[in-house]
Amino acid sequence: MATLPATTTISPTVLAIYRAYELAARDWDSWGISVGDIGLECDRALWLAMRWVSEREFIDGRKRSIFETGNIWEERLVDNLEAAGCEVTGTQDKMRFAHGHLRGKKDGTVTGLKEAPVTPHLLEIKSHKDDKYKEVEKKGVKVAQPTHYGQLQLGCHAFGLTRWAYVYVNKDTDERNIQRGEYDADYCIRQVARAERIVFSDEPPARVCKKPDDFRGMFCRQKEVCWGAMPRVTCRSCLHATPERHGDAAWSCGRFTKPLSIDEQREGCGAHLFVPALVPGTQIDFDEEAETVSYQMPDGSVFVDGASR
């Protein structure tokens, strides 16, 4: 029998497992602003995300496994609540605001909590590493996890609930806890109005960060485009495309005077011209007949948008 080689590298079988996760994944751009992002401080980040300007993030197999574990925890904690005598209903019910451009789902509605046996609560379930769990314990969900707080509040707003329950677990120790709070109508009205303002803005809002290495934007998925990288070509990065105030996250094309399906929005077309504010240069010319827009770029070159058609 051959001697097994000593190795300190990762097993090729494990690599194949991770690869299987990646091959099985289906990545889609969100149809609108996610309620899971509404707690973010930066309006510009939300606008850029909604406009699909950044390349989709590559999520490796190990991280996808972590996401799967989070889903397992969600199912497990629902089982825990029901075993404790609670009733959980309405799991994954959809919530829609701002003509469908602000959207998400709830983890459920829970009734029968020992702390409040009669009052139904909007349910949000999260699993945290030890440090994040302790931060939520110390500071509360509103401060420690503002995006989760936004989900809780907008869930109450969407489904007419007056209380929320944030059920969370320490993935390292299996310790669990529940924080409860009241529906804040003023917060929700402001956030929905904010989302509408962002969605229907023709240009990206101002940055929160003052410089590219600002710690607040360190992990922002829109960072590269925000600070000068060329955006991705989709209908939503095109100056002809407009989000509509009807339907469910409807968009239309002014160039061809037609509604745009989601598949069409992802694909774009040969008449694509970038929203001028997305091009990291100064507009110097526009040829209406040729349908091109020219920009002076920071390195002195001239970029003619539409010239490749």
C-alpha atoms as a PDB file:
ATOM      1  CA  MET A   1       0.000   0.000   0.000  1.00  0.00           C
ATOM      2  CA  ALA A   2       1.323   3.392  -0.951  1.00  0.00           C
ATOM      3  CA  THR A   3       2.189   5.779   1.846  1.00  0.00           C
ATOM      4  CA  LEU A   4      -0.255   8.616   2.189  1.00  0.00           C
ATOM      5  CA  PRO A   5       1.461  11.923   1.443  1.00  0.00           C
ATOM      6  CA  ALA A   6       1.759  14.382   4.299  1.00  0.00           C
ATOM      7  CA  THR A   7       0.093  17.645   3.415  1.00  0.00           C
ATOM      8  CA  THR A   8      -0.712  20.954   5.037  1.00  0.00           C
ATOM      9  CA  THR A   9      -2.795  22.158   2.092  1.00  0.00           C
ATOM     10  CA  ILE A  10      -6.544  21.946   1.883  1.00  0.00           C
ATOM     11  CA  SER A  11      -7.982  18.634   0.754  1.00  0.00           C
ATOM     12  CA  PRO A  12      -8.891  18.499  -2.969  1.00  0.00           C
ATOM     13  CA  THR A  13     -12.119  16.791  -1.930  1.00  0.00           C
ATOM     14  CA  VAL A  14     -13.005  19.762   0.267  1.00  0.00           C
ATOM     15  CA  LEU A  15     -12.183  22.063  -2.634  1.00  0.00           C
ATOM     16  CA  ALA A  16     -14.595  20.019  -4.736  1.00  0.00           C
ATOM     17  CA  ILE A  17     -17.270  20.446  -2.050  1.00  0.00           C
ATOM     18  CA  TYR A  18     -16.799  24.209  -2.115  1.00  0.00           C
ATOM     19  CA  ARG A  19     -16.891  24.169  -5.899  1.00  0.00           C
ATOM     20  CA  ALA A  20     -20.171  22.273  -5.819  1.00  0.00           C
ATOM     21  CA  TYR A  21     -21.665  25.063  -3.708  1.00  0.00           C
ATOM     22  CA  GLU A  22     -20.507  27.605  -6.263  1.00  0.00           C
ATOM     23  CA  LEU A  23     -21.874  25.650  -9.230  1.00  0.00           C
ATOM     24  CA  ALA A  24     -25.249  25.194  -7.541  1.00  0.00           C
ATOM     25  CA  ALA A  25     -25.620  28.896  -6.758  1.00  0.00           C
ATOM     26  CA  ARG A  26     -27.896  31.230  -8.658  1.00  0.00           C
ATOM     27  CA  ASP A  27     -26.907  34.843  -8.139  1.00  0.00           C
ATOM     28  CA  TRP A  28     -29.355  37.577  -9.011  1.00  0.00           C
ATOM     29  CA  ASP A  29     -29.339  41.300  -8.615  1.00  0.00           C
ATOM     30  CA  SER A  30     -32.061  42.504  -6.283  1.00  0.00           C
ATOM     31  CA  TRP A  31     -35.126  43.895  -8.039  1.00  0.00           C
ATOM     32  CA  GLY A  32     -34.894  46.987  -5.843  1.00  0.00           C
ATOM     33  CA  ILE A  33     -33.547  48.243  -2.534  1.00  0.00           C
ATOM     34  CA  SER A  34     -33.578  45.453   0.019  1.00  0.00           C
ATOM     35  CA  VAL A  35     -35.249  46.145   3.359  1.00  0.00           C
ATOM     36  CA  GLY A  36     -32.141  44.430   4.741  1.00  0.00           C
ATOM     37  CA  ASP A  37     -30.080  47.384   3.502  1.00  0.00           C
ATOM     38  CA  ILE A  38     -32.380  50.265   4.450  1.00  0.00           C
ATOM     39  CA  GLY A  39     -30.546  50.667   7.754  1.00  0.00           C
ATOM     40  CA  LEU A  40     -27.366  51.613   5.894  1.00  0.00           C
ATOM     41  CA  GLU A  41     -26.274  55.201   6.406  1.00  0.00           C
ATOM     42  CA  CYS A  42     -25.317  55.966   2.808  1.00  0.00           C
ATOM     43  CA  ASP A  43     -28.036  56.902   0.285  1.00  0.00           C
ATOM     44  CA  ARG A  44     -25.466  56.709  -2.502  1.00  0.00           C
ATOM     45  CA  ALA A  45     -24.674  53.061  -1.751  1.00  0.00           C
ATOM     46  CA  LEU A  46     -28.367  52.195  -1.969  1.00  0.00           C
ATOM     47  CA  TRP A  47     -28.757  54.071  -5.265  1.00  0.00           C
ATOM     48  CA  LEU A  48     -25.718  52.394  -6.815  1.00  0.00           C
ATOM     49  CA  ALA A  49     -26.866  48.951  -5.680  1.00  0.00           C
ATOM     50  CA  MET A  50     -30.348  49.500  -7.118  1.00  0.00           C
ATOM     51  CA  ARG A  51     -28.784  50.607 -10.416  1.00  0.00           C
ATOM     52  CA  TRP A  52     -26.716  47.382 -10.704  1.00  0.00           C
ATOM     53  CA  VAL A  53     -23.527  49.315 -11.416  1.00  0.00           C
ATOM     54  CA  SER A  54     -21.062  47.009  -9.635  1.00  0.00           C
ATOM     55  CA  GLU A  55     -20.029  43.554 -10.729  1.00  0.00           C
ATOM     56  CA  ARG A  56     -21.745  40.847  -8.757  1.00  0.00           C
ATOM     57  CA  GLU A  57     -19.670  39.843  -5.764  1.00  0.00           C
ATOM     58  CA  PHE A  58     -18.011  36.440  -6.106  1.00  0.00           C
ATOM     59  CA  ILE A  59     -19.091  34.351  -3.138  1.00  0.00           C
ATOM     60  CA  ASP A  60     -16.872  31.327  -2.653  1.00  0.00           C
ATOM     61  CA  GLY A  61     -18.081  27.911  -1.583  1.00  0.00           C
ATOM     62  CA  ARG A  62     -17.016  28.225   2.043  1.00  0.00           C
ATOM     63  CA  LYS A  63     -18.968  31.453   2.472  1.00  0.00           C
ATOM     64  CA  ARG A  64     -21.978  29.916   0.750  1.00  0.00           C
ATOM     65  CA  SER A  65     -21.789  27.121   3.294  1.00  0.00           C
ATOM     66  CA  ILE A  66     -21.922  29.763   6.030  1.00  0.00           C
ATOM     67  CA  PHE A  67     -25.084  31.187   4.438  1.00  0.00           C
ATOM     68  CA  GLU A  68     -26.583  27.705   4.387  1.00  0.00           C
ATOM     69  CA  THR A  69     -25.764  27.314   8.076  1.00  0.00           C
ATOM     70  CA  GLY A  70     -27.577  30.600   8.732  1.00  0.00           C
ATOM     71  CA  ASN A  71     -30.655  29.195   7.000  1.00  0.00           C
ATOM     72  CA  ILE A  72     -30.410  26.058   9.110  1.00  0.00           C
ATOM     73  CA  TRP A  73     -30.263  28.190  12.246  1.00  0.00           C
ATOM     74  CA  GLU A  74     -33.370  30.039  11.099  1.00  0.00           C
ATOM     75  CA  GLU A  75     -35.284  26.788  10.723  1.00  0.00           C
ATOM     76  CA  ARG A  76     -33.917  25.506  14.018  1.00  0.00           C
ATOM     77  CA  LEU A  77     -34.922  28.599  15.985  1.00  0.00           C
ATOM     78  CA  VAL A  78     -38.435  28.464  14.543  1.00  0.00           C
ATOM     79  CA  ASP A  79     -38.578  24.870  15.805  1.00  0.00           C
ATOM     80  CA  ASN A  80     -37.258  26.067  19.185  1.00  0.00           C
ATOM     81  CA  LEU A  81     -39.974  28.701  19.440  1.00  0.00           C
ATOM     82  CA  GLU A  82     -42.694  26.225  18.555  1.00  0.00           C
ATOM     83  CA  ALA A  83     -41.301  23.708  21.057  1.00  0.00           C
ATOM     84  CA  ALA A  84     -41.562  26.441  23.698  1.00  0.00           C
ATOM     85  CA  GLY A  85     -45.271  26.821  22.941  1.00  0.00           C
ATOM     86  CA  CYS A  86     -45.111  29.731  20.493  1.00  0.00           C
ATOM     87  CA  GLU A  87     -46.858  29.856  17.141  1.00  0.00           C
ATOM     88  CA  VAL A  88     -44.916  31.039  14.085  1.00  0.00           C
ATOM     89  CA  THR A  89     -46.860  31.995  10.966  1.00  0.00           C
ATOM     90  CA  GLY A  90     -46.324  33.884   7.726  1.00  0.00           C
ATOM     91  CA  THR A  91     -42.737  32.816   7.162  1.00  0.00           C
ATOM     92  CA  GLN A  92     -41.246  34.443   4.044  1.00  0.00           C
ATOM     93  CA  ASP A  93     -44.279  36.660   3.425  1.00  0.00           C
ATOM     94  CA  LYS A  94     -43.296  39.471   1.062  1.00  0.00           C
ATOM     95  CA  MET A  95     -43.183  43.162   1.939  1.00  0.00           C
ATOM     96  CA  ARG A  96     -43.272  45.867  -0.714  1.00  0.00           C
ATOM     97  CA  PHE A  97     -42.912  49.653  -0.472  1.00  0.00           C
ATOM     98  CA  ALA A  98     -42.176  52.537  -2.844  1.00  0.00           C
ATOM     99  CA  HIS A  99     -44.018  50.891  -5.763  1.00  0.00           C
ATOM    100  CA  GLY A 100     -42.100  47.650  -5.205  1.00  0.00           C
ATOM    101  CA  HIS A 101     -38.668  49.288  -5.399  1.00  0.00           C
ATOM    102  CA  LEU A 102     -38.143  48.711  -1.651  1.00  0.00           C
ATOM    103  CA  ARG A 103     -38.730  45.048  -0.970  1.00  0.00           C
ATOM    104  CA  GLY A 104     -38.026  42.086   1.247  1.00  0.00           C
ATOM    105  CA  LYS A 105     -39.456  39.190   3.234  1.00  0.00           C
ATOM    106  CA  LYS A 106     -40.157  38.528   6.881  1.00  0.00           C
ATOM    107  CA  ASP A 107     -39.001  35.528   8.861  1.00  0.00           C
ATOM    108  CA  GLY A 108     -42.490  35.259  10.329  1.00  0.00           C
ATOM    109  CA  THR A 109     -44.925  36.439  12.954  1.00  0.00           C
ATOM    110  CA  VAL A 110     -44.557  34.898  16.404  1.00  0.00           C
ATOM    111  CA  THR A 111     -47.345  34.684  18.965  1.00  0.00           C
ATOM    112  CA  GLY A 112     -47.163  33.224  22.463  1.00  0.00           C
ATOM    113  CA  LEU A 113     -43.863  34.561  23.718  1.00  0.00           C
ATOM    114  CA  LYS A 114     -43.663  34.076  27.496  1.00  0.00           C
ATOM    115  CA  GLU A 115     -42.862  37.772  27.873  1.00  0.00           C
ATOM    116  CA  ALA A 116     -46.030  38.765  25.955  1.00  0.00           C
ATOM    117  CA  PRO A 117     -48.376  35.782  25.459  1.00  0.00           C
ATOM    118  CA  VAL A 118     -51.109  37.624  23.558  1.00  0.00           C
ATOM    119  CA  THR A 119     -49.384  40.215  21.361  1.00  0.00           C
ATOM    120  CA  PRO A 120     -48.126  39.003  17.952  1.00  0.00           C
ATOM    121  CA  HIS A 121     -44.576  40.114  17.132  1.00  0.00           C
ATOM    122  CA  LEU A 122     -42.758  40.560  13.829  1.00  0.00           C
ATOM    123  CA  LEU A 123     -40.092  37.864  13.905  1.00  0.00           C
ATOM    124  CA  GLU A 124     -36.531  38.314  12.713  1.00  0.00           C
ATOM    125  CA  ILE A 125     -33.963  35.548  13.246  1.00  0.00           C
ATOM    126  CA  LYS A 126     -30.199  35.995  13.036  1.00  0.00           C
ATOM    127  CA  SER A 127     -27.100  33.987  13.897  1.00  0.00           C
ATOM    128  CA  HIS A 128     -23.932  35.795  15.027  1.00  0.00           C
ATOM    129  CA  LYS A 129     -20.333  35.058  15.785  1.00  0.00           C
ATOM    130  CA  ASP A 130     -19.362  35.496  19.417  1.00  0.00           C
ATOM    131  CA  ASP A 131     -18.127  39.085  19.099  1.00  0.00           C
ATOM    132  CA  LYS A 132     -21.229  40.261  17.221  1.00  0.00           C
ATOM    133  CA  TYR A 133     -23.514  38.412  19.613  1.00  0.00           C
ATOM    134  CA  LYS A 134     -21.911  40.169  22.560  1.00  0.00           C
ATOM    135  CA  GLU A 135     -22.165  43.509  20.794  1.00  0.00           C
ATOM    136  CA  VAL A 136     -25.903  43.017  20.275  1.00  0.00           C
ATOM    137  CA  GLU A 137     -26.214  42.028  23.946  1.00  0.00           C
ATOM    138  CA  LYS A 138     -24.355  45.152  25.071  1.00  0.00           C
ATOM    139  CA  LYS A 139     -25.642  47.819  22.685  1.00  0.00           C
ATOM    140  CA  GLY A 140     -28.986  46.462  21.507  1.00  0.00           C
ATOM    141  CA  VAL A 141     -29.972  45.606  17.951  1.00  0.00           C
ATOM    142  CA  LYS A 142     -30.746  49.200  16.924  1.00  0.00           C
ATOM    143  CA  VAL A 143     -27.154  50.315  17.499  1.00  0.00           C
ATOM    144  CA  ALA A 144     -25.250  47.068  16.941  1.00  0.00           C
ATOM    145  CA  GLN A 145     -27.132  45.922  13.821  1.00  0.00           C
ATOM    146  CA  PRO A 146     -28.948  48.900  12.255  1.00  0.00           C
ATOM    147  CA  THR A 147     -29.761  47.000   9.054  1.00  0.00           C
ATOM    148  CA  HIS A 148     -31.501  44.306  11.101  1.00  0.00           C
ATOM    149  CA  TYR A 149     -33.362  47.010  13.007  1.00  0.00           C
ATOM    150  CA  GLY A 150     -34.602  48.392   9.680  1.00  0.00           C
ATOM    151  CA  GLN A 151     -35.936  44.961   8.751  1.00  0.00           C
ATOM    152  CA  LEU A 152     -37.760  44.698  12.063  1.00  0.00           C
ATOM    153  CA  GLN A 153     -39.386  48.095  11.796  1.00  0.00           C
ATOM    154  CA  LEU A 154     -40.394  47.829   8.149  1.00  0.00           C
ATOM    155  CA  GLY A 155     -41.768  44.364   8.813  1.00  0.00           C
ATOM    156  CA  CYS A 156     -44.047  45.823  11.481  1.00  0.00           C
ATOM    157  CA  HIS A 157     -44.986  48.616   9.072  1.00  0.00           C
ATOM    158  CA  ALA A 158     -45.844  46.194   6.270  1.00  0.00           C
ATOM    159  CA  PHE A 159     -47.901  43.750   8.296  1.00  0.00           C
ATOM    160  CA  GLY A 160     -49.618  46.027  10.801  1.00  0.00           C
ATOM    161  CA  LEU A 161     -47.759  44.742  13.861  1.00  0.00           C
ATOM    162  CA  THR A 162     -47.024  46.817  16.952  1.00  0.00           C
ATOM    163  CA  ARG A 163     -44.130  44.784  18.363  1.00  0.00           C
ATOM    164  CA  TRP A 164     -41.051  43.015  17.048  1.00  0.00           C
ATOM    165  CA  ALA A 165     -38.959  40.129  18.362  1.00  0.00           C
ATOM    166  CA  TYR A 166     -35.301  39.773  17.394  1.00  0.00           C
ATOM    167  CA  VAL A 167     -34.304  36.168  18.029  1.00  0.00           C
ATOM    168  CA  TYR A 168     -30.558  35.629  17.783  1.00  0.00           C
ATOM    169  CA  VAL A 169     -28.038  32.922  18.513  1.00  0.00           C
ATOM    170  CA  ASN A 170     -24.322  32.777  19.246  1.00  0.00           C
ATOM    171  CA  LYS A 171     -22.982  30.369  16.625  1.00  0.00           C
ATOM    172  CA  ASP A 172     -19.902  29.670  18.754  1.00  0.00           C
ATOM    173  CA  THR A 173     -21.708  28.755  21.985  1.00  0.00           C
ATOM    174  CA  ASP A 174     -25.349  28.018  20.995  1.00  0.00           C
ATOM    175  CA  GLU A 175     -26.440  30.705  23.483  1.00  0.00           C
ATOM    176  CA  ARG A 176     -29.746  32.261  22.430  1.00  0.00           C
ATOM    177  CA  ASN A 177     -31.590  35.416  23.361  1.00  0.00           C
ATOM    178  CA  ILE A 178     -34.566  37.546  22.320  1.00  0.00           C
ATOM    179  CA  GLN A 179     -34.823  41.322  22.206  1.00  0.00           C
ATOM    180  CA  ARG A 180     -38.232  42.925  21.801  1.00  0.00           C
ATOM    181  CA  GLY A 181     -39.273  46.402  20.785  1.00  0.00           C
ATOM    182  CA  GLU A 182     -42.130  48.578  19.604  1.00  0.00           C
ATOM    183  CA  TYR A 183     -43.097  49.659  16.114  1.00  0.00           C
ATOM    184  CA  ASP A 184     -41.767  53.127  15.311  1.00  0.00           C
ATOM    185  CA  ALA A 185     -44.111  54.643  12.731  1.00  0.00           C
ATOM    186  CA  ASP A 186     -42.045  57.818  12.308  1.00  0.00           C
ATOM    187  CA  TYR A 187     -38.916  55.783  11.546  1.00  0.00           C
ATOM    188  CA  CYS A 188     -40.735  53.714   8.935  1.00  0.00           C
ATOM    189  CA  ILE A 189     -42.396  56.666   7.229  1.00  0.00           C
ATOM    190  CA  ARG A 190     -39.033  58.400   6.980  1.00  0.00           C
ATOM    191  CA  GLN A 191     -37.315  55.323   5.580  1.00  0.00           C
ATOM    192  CA  VAL A 192     -39.990  54.671   2.950  1.00  0.00           C
ATOM    193  CA  ALA A 193     -39.859  58.336   1.911  1.00  0.00           C
ATOM    194  CA  ARG A 194     -36.070  58.093   1.816  1.00  0.00           C
ATOM    195  CA  ALA A 195     -36.262  55.011  -0.402  1.00  0.00           C
ATOM    196  CA  GLU A 196     -38.623  56.781  -2.825  1.00  0.00           C
ATOM    197  CA  ARG A 197     -36.287  59.768  -2.982  1.00  0.00           C
ATOM    198  CA  ILE A 198     -33.323  57.486  -3.750  1.00  0.00           C
ATOM    199  CA  VAL A 199     -35.164  55.331  -6.291  1.00  0.00           C
ATOM    200  CA  PHE A 200     -36.494  58.226  -8.343  1.00  0.00           C
ATOM    201  CA  SER A 201     -33.320  60.306  -8.276  1.00  0.00           C
ATOM    202  CA  ASP A 202     -31.719  60.658 -11.718  1.00  0.00           C
ATOM    203  CA  GLU A 203     -28.239  60.914 -10.223  1.00  0.00           C
ATOM    204  CA  PRO A 204     -26.438  59.216  -7.354  1.00  0.00           C
ATOM    205  CA  PRO A 205     -26.737  61.040  -4.021  1.00  0.00           C
ATOM    206  CA  ALA A 206     -23.689  62.511  -2.299  1.00  0.00           C
ATOM    207  CA  ARG A 207     -21.200  60.242  -0.555  1.00  0.00           C
ATOM    208  CA  VAL A 208     -21.147  59.735   3.181  1.00  0.00           C
ATOM    209  CA  CYS A 209     -17.435  58.901   3.004  1.00  0.00           C
ATOM    210  CA  LYS A 210     -15.050  61.789   2.341  1.00  0.00           C
ATOM    211  CA  LYS A 211     -12.226  59.686   0.924  1.00  0.00           C
ATOM    212  CA  PRO A 212     -11.794  56.186  -0.567  1.00  0.00           C
ATOM    213  CA  ASP A 213     -10.092  54.763   2.525  1.00  0.00           C
ATOM    214  CA  ASP A 214     -12.761  56.027   4.931  1.00  0.00           C
ATOM    215  CA  PHE A 215     -13.362  53.214   7.413  1.00  0.00           C
ATOM    216  CA  ARG A 216     -17.147  53.588   7.015  1.00  0.00           C
ATOM    217  CA  GLY A 217     -16.925  52.432   3.400  1.00  0.00           C
ATOM    218  CA  MET A 218     -14.280  49.759   3.891  1.00  0.00           C
ATOM    219  CA  PHE A 219     -16.640  46.878   3.133  1.00  0.00           C
ATOM    220  CA  CYS A 220     -19.103  48.691   0.853  1.00  0.00           C
ATOM    221  CA  ARG A 221     -19.914  46.590  -2.221  1.00  0.00           C
ATOM    222  CA  GLN A 222     -20.238  49.769  -4.306  1.00  0.00           C
ATOM    223  CA  LYS A 223     -16.861  51.197  -3.307  1.00  0.00           C
ATOM    224  CA  GLU A 224     -15.013  50.765  -6.614  1.00  0.00           C
ATOM    225  CA  VAL A 225     -17.657  52.367  -8.825  1.00  0.00           C
ATOM    226  CA  CYS A 226     -18.384  55.022  -6.221  1.00  0.00           C
ATOM    227  CA  TRP A 227     -14.775  56.194  -6.425  1.00  0.00           C
ATOM    228  CA  GLY A 228     -14.222  56.074 -10.170  1.00  0.00           C
ATOM    229  CA  ALA A 229     -14.336  52.559 -11.641  1.00  0.00           C
ATOM    230  CA  MET A 230     -16.436  52.186 -14.794  1.00  0.00           C
ATOM    231  CA  PRO A 231     -19.885  50.781 -14.038  1.00  0.00           C
ATOM    232  CA  ARG A 232     -21.368  47.556 -15.320  1.00  0.00           C
ATOM    233  CA  VAL A 233     -23.487  47.738 -18.482  1.00  0.00           C
ATOM    234  CA  THR A 234     -27.125  47.000 -17.674  1.00  0.00           C
ATOM    235  CA  CYS A 235     -30.322  48.848 -18.463  1.00  0.00           C
ATOM    236  CA  ARG A 236     -30.277  50.299 -14.966  1.00  0.00           C
ATOM    237  CA  SER A 237     -26.953  52.050 -15.529  1.00  0.00           C
ATOM    238  CA  CYS A 238     -28.331  53.570 -18.766  1.00  0.00           C
ATOM    239  CA  LEU A 239     -29.636  57.121 -19.032  1.00  0.00           C
ATOM    240  CA  HIS A 240     -32.635  55.891 -21.058  1.00  0.00           C
ATOM    241  CA  ALA A 241     -33.982  53.703 -18.221  1.00  0.00           C
ATOM    242  CA  THR A 242     -36.471  54.992 -15.652  1.00  0.00           C
ATOM    243  CA  PRO A 243     -37.938  53.364 -12.516  1.00  0.00           C
ATOM    244  CA  GLU A 244     -41.707  53.651 -12.648  1.00  0.00           C
ATOM    245  CA  ARG A 245     -44.302  54.613 -10.041  1.00  0.00           C
ATOM    246  CA  HIS A 246     -46.570  51.681 -10.834  1.00  0.00           C
ATOM    247  CA  GLY A 247     -46.442  47.891 -10.739  1.00  0.00           C
ATOM    248  CA  ASP A 248     -43.882  45.891  -8.811  1.00  0.00           C
ATOM    249  CA  ALA A 249     -40.440  47.477  -9.281  1.00  0.00           C
ATOM    250  CA  ALA A 250     -41.320  48.360 -12.882  1.00  0.00           C
ATOM    251  CA  TRP A 251     -38.784  50.010 -15.201  1.00  0.00           C
ATOM    252  CA  SER A 252     -39.185  51.475 -18.685  1.00  0.00           C
ATOM    253  CA  CYS A 253     -36.939  52.472 -21.579  1.00  0.00           C
ATOM    254  CA  GLY A 254     -37.272  56.001 -22.986  1.00  0.00           C
ATOM    255  CA  ARG A 255     -35.185  55.163 -26.049  1.00  0.00           C
ATOM    256  CA  PHE A 256     -37.578  52.472 -27.289  1.00  0.00           C
ATOM    257  CA  THR A 257     -40.677  53.620 -25.353  1.00  0.00           C
ATOM    258  CA  LYS A 258     -41.369  50.251 -23.759  1.00  0.00           C
ATOM    259  CA  PRO A 259     -41.514  48.524 -20.393  1.00  0.00           C
ATOM    260  CA  LEU A 260     -38.432  46.512 -19.482  1.00  0.00           C
ATOM    261  CA  SER A 261     -38.543  42.965 -18.195  1.00  0.00           C
ATOM    262  CA  ILE A 262     -36.008  41.923 -15.560  1.00  0.00           C
ATOM    263  CA  ASP A 263     -34.150  39.819 -18.125  1.00  0.00           C
ATOM    264  CA  GLU A 264     -33.969  42.791 -20.504  1.00  0.00           C
ATOM    265  CA  GLN A 265     -32.682  44.990 -17.701  1.00  0.00           C
ATOM    266  CA  ARG A 266     -29.869  42.556 -16.942  1.00  0.00           C
ATOM    267  CA  GLU A 267     -28.908  42.173 -20.591  1.00  0.00           C
ATOM    268  CA  GLY A 268     -28.921  45.821 -21.699  1.00  0.00           C
ATOM    269  CA  CYS A 269     -28.822  46.653 -25.409  1.00  0.00           C
ATOM    270  CA  GLY A 270     -26.752  48.289 -28.118  1.00  0.00           C
ATOM    271  CA  ALA A 271     -28.281  51.706 -27.435  1.00  0.00           C
ATOM    272  CA  HIS A 272     -26.896  51.777 -23.901  1.00  0.00           C
ATOM    273  CA  LEU A 273     -25.492  55.097 -22.694  1.00  0.00           C
ATOM    274  CA  PHE A 274     -24.270  55.465 -19.133  1.00  0.00           C
ATOM    275  CA  VAL A 275     -25.986  57.790 -16.698  1.00  0.00           C
ATOM    276  CA  PRO A 276     -23.498  60.668 -17.061  1.00  0.00           C
ATOM    277  CA  ALA A 277     -22.856  60.947 -13.318  1.00  0.00           C
ATOM    278  CA  LEU A 278     -21.581  57.349 -13.348  1.00  0.00           C
ATOM    279  CA  VAL A 279     -18.763  58.079 -15.805  1.00  0.00           C
ATOM    280  CA  PRO A 280     -15.575  59.186 -13.998  1.00  0.00           C
ATOM    281  CA  GLY A 281     -14.922  62.020 -16.445  1.00  0.00           C
ATOM    282  CA  THR A 282     -16.225  65.378 -17.640  1.00  0.00           C
ATOM    283  CA  GLN A 283     -18.814  65.465 -20.424  1.00  0.00           C
ATOM    284  CA  ILE A 284     -17.457  67.447 -23.378  1.00  0.00           C
ATOM    285  CA  ASP A 285     -19.747  66.570 -26.277  1.00  0.00           C
ATOM    286  CA  PHE A 286     -23.009  64.904 -27.278  1.00  0.00           C
ATOM    287  CA  ASP A 287     -23.855  63.727 -30.794  1.00  0.00           C
ATOM    288  CA  GLU A 288     -27.620  63.291 -30.971  1.00  0.00           C
ATOM    289  CA  GLU A 289     -27.573  61.729 -34.449  1.00  0.00           C
ATOM    290  CA  ALA A 290     -24.850  59.217 -33.643  1.00  0.00           C
ATOM    291  CA  GLU A 291     -26.236  58.723 -30.118  1.00  0.00           C
ATOM    292  CA  THR A 292     -22.856  59.145 -28.462  1.00  0.00           C
ATOM    293  CA  VAL A 293     -21.647  61.102 -25.450  1.00  0.00           C
ATOM    294  CA  SER A 294     -17.978  62.109 -25.129  1.00  0.00           C
ATOM    295  CA  TYR A 295     -16.104  62.510 -21.856  1.00  0.00           C
ATOM    296  CA  GLN A 296     -12.668  63.872 -20.957  1.00  0.00           C
ATOM    297  CA  MET A 297     -11.192  61.314 -18.572  1.00  0.00           C
ATOM    298  CA  PRO A 298      -8.810  62.111 -15.701  1.00  0.00           C
ATOM    299  CA  ASP A 299      -5.813  60.684 -17.620  1.00  0.00           C
ATOM    300  CA  GLY A 300      -6.473  63.039 -20.543  1.00  0.00           C
ATOM    301  CA  SER A 301      -8.034  60.465 -22.853  1.00  0.00           C
ATOM    302  CA  VAL A 302     -11.462  60.853 -24.440  1.00  0.00           C
ATOM    303  CA  PHE A 303     -14.103  58.224 -23.826  1.00  0.00           C
ATOM    304  CA  VAL A 304     -16.901  58.168 -26.405  1.00  0.00           C
ATOM    305  CA  ASP A 305     -19.839  56.375 -24.871  1.00  0.00           C
ATOM    306  CA  GLY A 306     -21.874  54.556 -27.518  1.00  0.00           C
ATOM    307  CA  ALA A 307     -19.124  54.606 -30.144  1.00  0.00           C
ATOM    308  CA  SER A 308     -18.687  50.837 -30.056  1.00  0.00           C
ATOM    309  CA  ARG A 309     -22.152  50.196 -31.523  1.00  0.00           C
END
